[in-house]
N, C-alpha and C. Protein backbone atom coordinates (compact mmCIF):
# COMPACT_ATOMS: atom_id res chain seq x y z
N MET A 1 0.85 -1.18 0.00
CA MET A 1 0.00 0.00 0.00
C MET A 1 0.89 1.24 0.00
N ASN A 2 0.58 2.20 -0.85
CA ASN A 2 1.35 3.43 -0.91
C ASN A 2 1.01 4.34 0.26
N THR A 3 2.03 4.98 0.78
CA THR A 3 1.82 5.95 1.83
C THR A 3 1.70 7.33 1.19
N VAL A 4 0.63 8.01 1.47
CA VAL A 4 0.39 9.33 0.90
C VAL A 4 1.02 10.37 1.80
N ASN A 5 1.83 11.25 1.22
CA ASN A 5 2.39 12.36 1.96
C ASN A 5 1.36 13.48 1.90
N THR A 6 0.60 13.63 2.97
CA THR A 6 -0.50 14.59 3.00
C THR A 6 -0.01 16.01 2.79
N GLU A 7 1.13 16.35 3.35
CA GLU A 7 1.66 17.70 3.18
C GLU A 7 1.94 18.00 1.71
N GLU A 8 2.54 17.06 1.00
CA GLU A 8 2.79 17.23 -0.43
C GLU A 8 1.48 17.28 -1.21
N LEU A 9 0.55 16.45 -0.83
CA LEU A 9 -0.75 16.43 -1.48
C LEU A 9 -1.44 17.79 -1.36
N ILE A 10 -1.40 18.37 -0.18
CA ILE A 10 -1.99 19.69 0.04
C ILE A 10 -1.26 20.74 -0.78
N LYS A 11 0.05 20.70 -0.76
CA LYS A 11 0.86 21.68 -1.48
C LYS A 11 0.58 21.64 -2.99
N ASN A 12 0.30 20.45 -3.52
CA ASN A 12 0.10 20.29 -4.95
C ASN A 12 -1.36 20.31 -5.38
N SER A 13 -2.26 20.66 -4.46
CA SER A 13 -3.69 20.66 -4.77
C SER A 13 -4.25 22.07 -4.71
N ASP A 14 -5.33 22.29 -5.43
CA ASP A 14 -6.05 23.55 -5.39
C ASP A 14 -7.14 23.41 -4.33
N VAL A 15 -6.79 23.75 -3.10
CA VAL A 15 -7.69 23.55 -1.96
C VAL A 15 -8.97 24.38 -2.12
N ALA A 16 -8.85 25.59 -2.65
CA ALA A 16 -10.04 26.42 -2.86
C ALA A 16 -11.00 25.76 -3.86
N LYS A 17 -10.45 25.14 -4.90
CA LYS A 17 -11.28 24.45 -5.89
C LYS A 17 -11.98 23.25 -5.25
N ILE A 18 -11.25 22.51 -4.42
CA ILE A 18 -11.84 21.35 -3.74
C ILE A 18 -13.00 21.80 -2.86
N ALA A 19 -12.81 22.88 -2.11
CA ALA A 19 -13.86 23.39 -1.24
C ALA A 19 -15.07 23.87 -2.04
N LYS A 20 -14.82 24.63 -3.09
CA LYS A 20 -15.91 25.18 -3.91
C LYS A 20 -16.70 24.07 -4.60
N GLU A 21 -16.01 23.18 -5.27
CA GLU A 21 -16.69 22.10 -5.99
C GLU A 21 -17.32 21.11 -5.02
N GLY A 22 -16.68 20.90 -3.88
CA GLY A 22 -17.25 20.03 -2.85
C GLY A 22 -18.59 20.55 -2.35
N MET A 23 -18.69 21.88 -2.16
CA MET A 23 -19.96 22.47 -1.72
C MET A 23 -21.04 22.34 -2.78
N VAL A 24 -20.67 22.45 -4.04
CA VAL A 24 -21.66 22.27 -5.12
C VAL A 24 -22.19 20.84 -5.09
N ILE A 25 -21.30 19.88 -4.94
CA ILE A 25 -21.72 18.47 -4.87
C ILE A 25 -22.60 18.25 -3.65
N TYR A 26 -22.18 18.81 -2.51
CA TYR A 26 -22.98 18.67 -1.28
C TYR A 26 -24.38 19.24 -1.47
N GLU A 27 -24.49 20.41 -2.06
CA GLU A 27 -25.81 21.00 -2.27
C GLU A 27 -26.68 20.10 -3.15
N ASN A 28 -26.08 19.38 -4.07
CA ASN A 28 -26.83 18.47 -4.95
C ASN A 28 -27.32 17.22 -4.23
N VAL A 29 -26.63 16.80 -3.16
CA VAL A 29 -27.01 15.57 -2.44
C VAL A 29 -27.55 15.85 -1.04
N ARG A 30 -27.57 17.10 -0.67
CA ARG A 30 -27.95 17.50 0.69
C ARG A 30 -29.26 16.87 1.16
N SER A 31 -30.26 16.86 0.32
CA SER A 31 -31.57 16.33 0.71
C SER A 31 -31.53 14.84 1.05
N GLN A 32 -30.51 14.13 0.57
CA GLN A 32 -30.38 12.71 0.88
C GLN A 32 -29.84 12.48 2.29
N TYR A 33 -29.23 13.51 2.88
CA TYR A 33 -28.58 13.35 4.18
C TYR A 33 -29.21 14.15 5.30
N GLU A 34 -29.90 15.22 4.97
CA GLU A 34 -30.53 16.04 6.01
C GLU A 34 -32.04 15.84 5.95
N PRO A 35 -32.72 15.81 7.05
CA PRO A 35 -32.22 15.95 8.42
C PRO A 35 -31.85 14.63 9.09
N ALA A 36 -32.01 13.52 8.41
CA ALA A 36 -31.80 12.20 9.03
C ALA A 36 -30.39 12.01 9.59
N HIS A 37 -29.38 12.63 8.99
CA HIS A 37 -28.00 12.42 9.42
C HIS A 37 -27.38 13.68 10.01
N LYS A 38 -28.22 14.55 10.54
CA LYS A 38 -27.73 15.79 11.14
C LYS A 38 -26.73 15.47 12.25
N GLY A 39 -25.61 16.17 12.24
CA GLY A 39 -24.57 15.94 13.24
C GLY A 39 -23.51 14.95 12.80
N GLU A 40 -23.72 14.29 11.67
CA GLU A 40 -22.73 13.37 11.14
C GLU A 40 -21.85 14.11 10.12
N PHE A 41 -20.83 13.45 9.64
CA PHE A 41 -19.86 14.07 8.75
C PHE A 41 -19.90 13.45 7.36
N LEU A 42 -19.67 14.29 6.36
CA LEU A 42 -19.54 13.84 4.98
C LEU A 42 -18.17 14.23 4.46
N ALA A 43 -17.52 13.32 3.77
CA ALA A 43 -16.31 13.62 3.02
C ALA A 43 -16.70 13.53 1.56
N VAL A 44 -16.34 14.56 0.78
CA VAL A 44 -16.72 14.63 -0.63
C VAL A 44 -15.47 14.59 -1.49
N GLU A 45 -15.43 13.67 -2.45
CA GLU A 45 -14.33 13.58 -3.41
C GLU A 45 -14.84 14.22 -4.69
N ILE A 46 -14.22 15.31 -5.14
CA ILE A 46 -14.81 16.12 -6.20
C ILE A 46 -14.72 15.51 -7.59
N GLU A 47 -13.72 14.71 -7.89
CA GLU A 47 -13.61 14.16 -9.25
C GLU A 47 -14.68 13.10 -9.51
N SER A 48 -14.88 12.21 -8.56
CA SER A 48 -15.87 11.14 -8.72
C SER A 48 -17.26 11.56 -8.22
N GLU A 49 -17.29 12.62 -7.41
CA GLU A 49 -18.49 13.08 -6.72
C GLU A 49 -18.99 12.06 -5.70
N ASP A 50 -18.09 11.18 -5.24
CA ASP A 50 -18.42 10.22 -4.20
C ASP A 50 -18.53 10.95 -2.86
N VAL A 51 -19.49 10.52 -2.03
CA VAL A 51 -19.73 11.11 -0.73
C VAL A 51 -19.67 10.00 0.30
N TYR A 52 -18.97 10.24 1.41
CA TYR A 52 -18.78 9.24 2.46
C TYR A 52 -19.34 9.79 3.77
N LEU A 53 -20.28 9.09 4.37
CA LEU A 53 -20.95 9.48 5.59
C LEU A 53 -20.38 8.71 6.77
N ALA A 54 -20.14 9.41 7.89
CA ALA A 54 -19.65 8.74 9.09
C ALA A 54 -19.99 9.57 10.32
N SER A 55 -19.80 8.97 11.48
CA SER A 55 -20.08 9.65 12.75
C SER A 55 -19.06 10.71 13.09
N THR A 56 -17.82 10.54 12.63
CA THR A 56 -16.77 11.51 12.89
C THR A 56 -16.10 11.93 11.59
N SER A 57 -15.43 13.07 11.61
CA SER A 57 -14.72 13.51 10.41
C SER A 57 -13.62 12.52 10.06
N ALA A 58 -12.94 12.00 11.07
CA ALA A 58 -11.86 11.04 10.82
C ALA A 58 -12.39 9.79 10.12
N GLU A 59 -13.53 9.27 10.58
CA GLU A 59 -14.10 8.08 9.97
C GLU A 59 -14.52 8.35 8.52
N ALA A 60 -15.07 9.54 8.26
CA ALA A 60 -15.48 9.89 6.90
C ALA A 60 -14.27 9.95 5.98
N VAL A 61 -13.18 10.57 6.46
CA VAL A 61 -11.98 10.68 5.64
C VAL A 61 -11.31 9.32 5.44
N VAL A 62 -11.30 8.49 6.46
CA VAL A 62 -10.72 7.15 6.32
C VAL A 62 -11.48 6.35 5.26
N ALA A 63 -12.79 6.42 5.29
CA ALA A 63 -13.60 5.71 4.29
C ALA A 63 -13.32 6.25 2.89
N ALA A 64 -13.24 7.56 2.77
CA ALA A 64 -12.96 8.18 1.48
C ALA A 64 -11.55 7.84 1.00
N ARG A 65 -10.60 7.85 1.92
CA ARG A 65 -9.20 7.58 1.57
C ARG A 65 -9.02 6.14 1.09
N LYS A 66 -9.83 5.20 1.61
CA LYS A 66 -9.75 3.81 1.15
C LYS A 66 -10.08 3.72 -0.34
N ALA A 67 -11.07 4.49 -0.77
CA ALA A 67 -11.48 4.46 -2.17
C ALA A 67 -10.62 5.36 -3.05
N HIS A 68 -10.10 6.43 -2.47
CA HIS A 68 -9.33 7.44 -3.22
C HIS A 68 -8.08 7.81 -2.42
N PRO A 69 -7.07 6.94 -2.41
CA PRO A 69 -5.92 7.13 -1.51
C PRO A 69 -5.05 8.35 -1.79
N ASP A 70 -5.07 8.88 -2.99
CA ASP A 70 -4.19 10.00 -3.32
C ASP A 70 -4.96 11.28 -3.57
N THR A 71 -6.01 11.48 -2.80
CA THR A 71 -6.91 12.61 -3.03
C THR A 71 -7.18 13.36 -1.74
N LEU A 72 -7.40 14.67 -1.85
CA LEU A 72 -7.89 15.46 -0.74
C LEU A 72 -9.41 15.51 -0.84
N PHE A 73 -10.04 15.73 0.30
CA PHE A 73 -11.50 15.74 0.36
C PHE A 73 -12.00 17.01 1.02
N MET A 74 -13.17 17.41 0.64
CA MET A 74 -13.88 18.45 1.34
C MET A 74 -14.77 17.70 2.32
N TRP A 75 -14.73 18.07 3.58
CA TRP A 75 -15.61 17.41 4.53
C TRP A 75 -16.37 18.45 5.31
N LEU A 76 -17.55 18.06 5.77
CA LEU A 76 -18.38 18.96 6.55
C LEU A 76 -19.29 18.19 7.46
N LYS A 77 -19.82 18.89 8.43
CA LYS A 77 -20.72 18.31 9.41
C LYS A 77 -22.11 18.80 9.12
């Protein structure tokens, strides 16, 4: 398994683009998660538009990272 250098990943990514596009994706799927999952966390991968739901931000990112190991995610509660 490859180890991702998160610092390098952040340095080489357009974080503003990830946040902006992640919010667009979230707005498109929001009705599927609210209000039933209020207080839970979503990690959004912008290229695939995959969304990962979990009880904590760490769990959401771990689930997302399993599917997309070399990607940054926009996450929100």
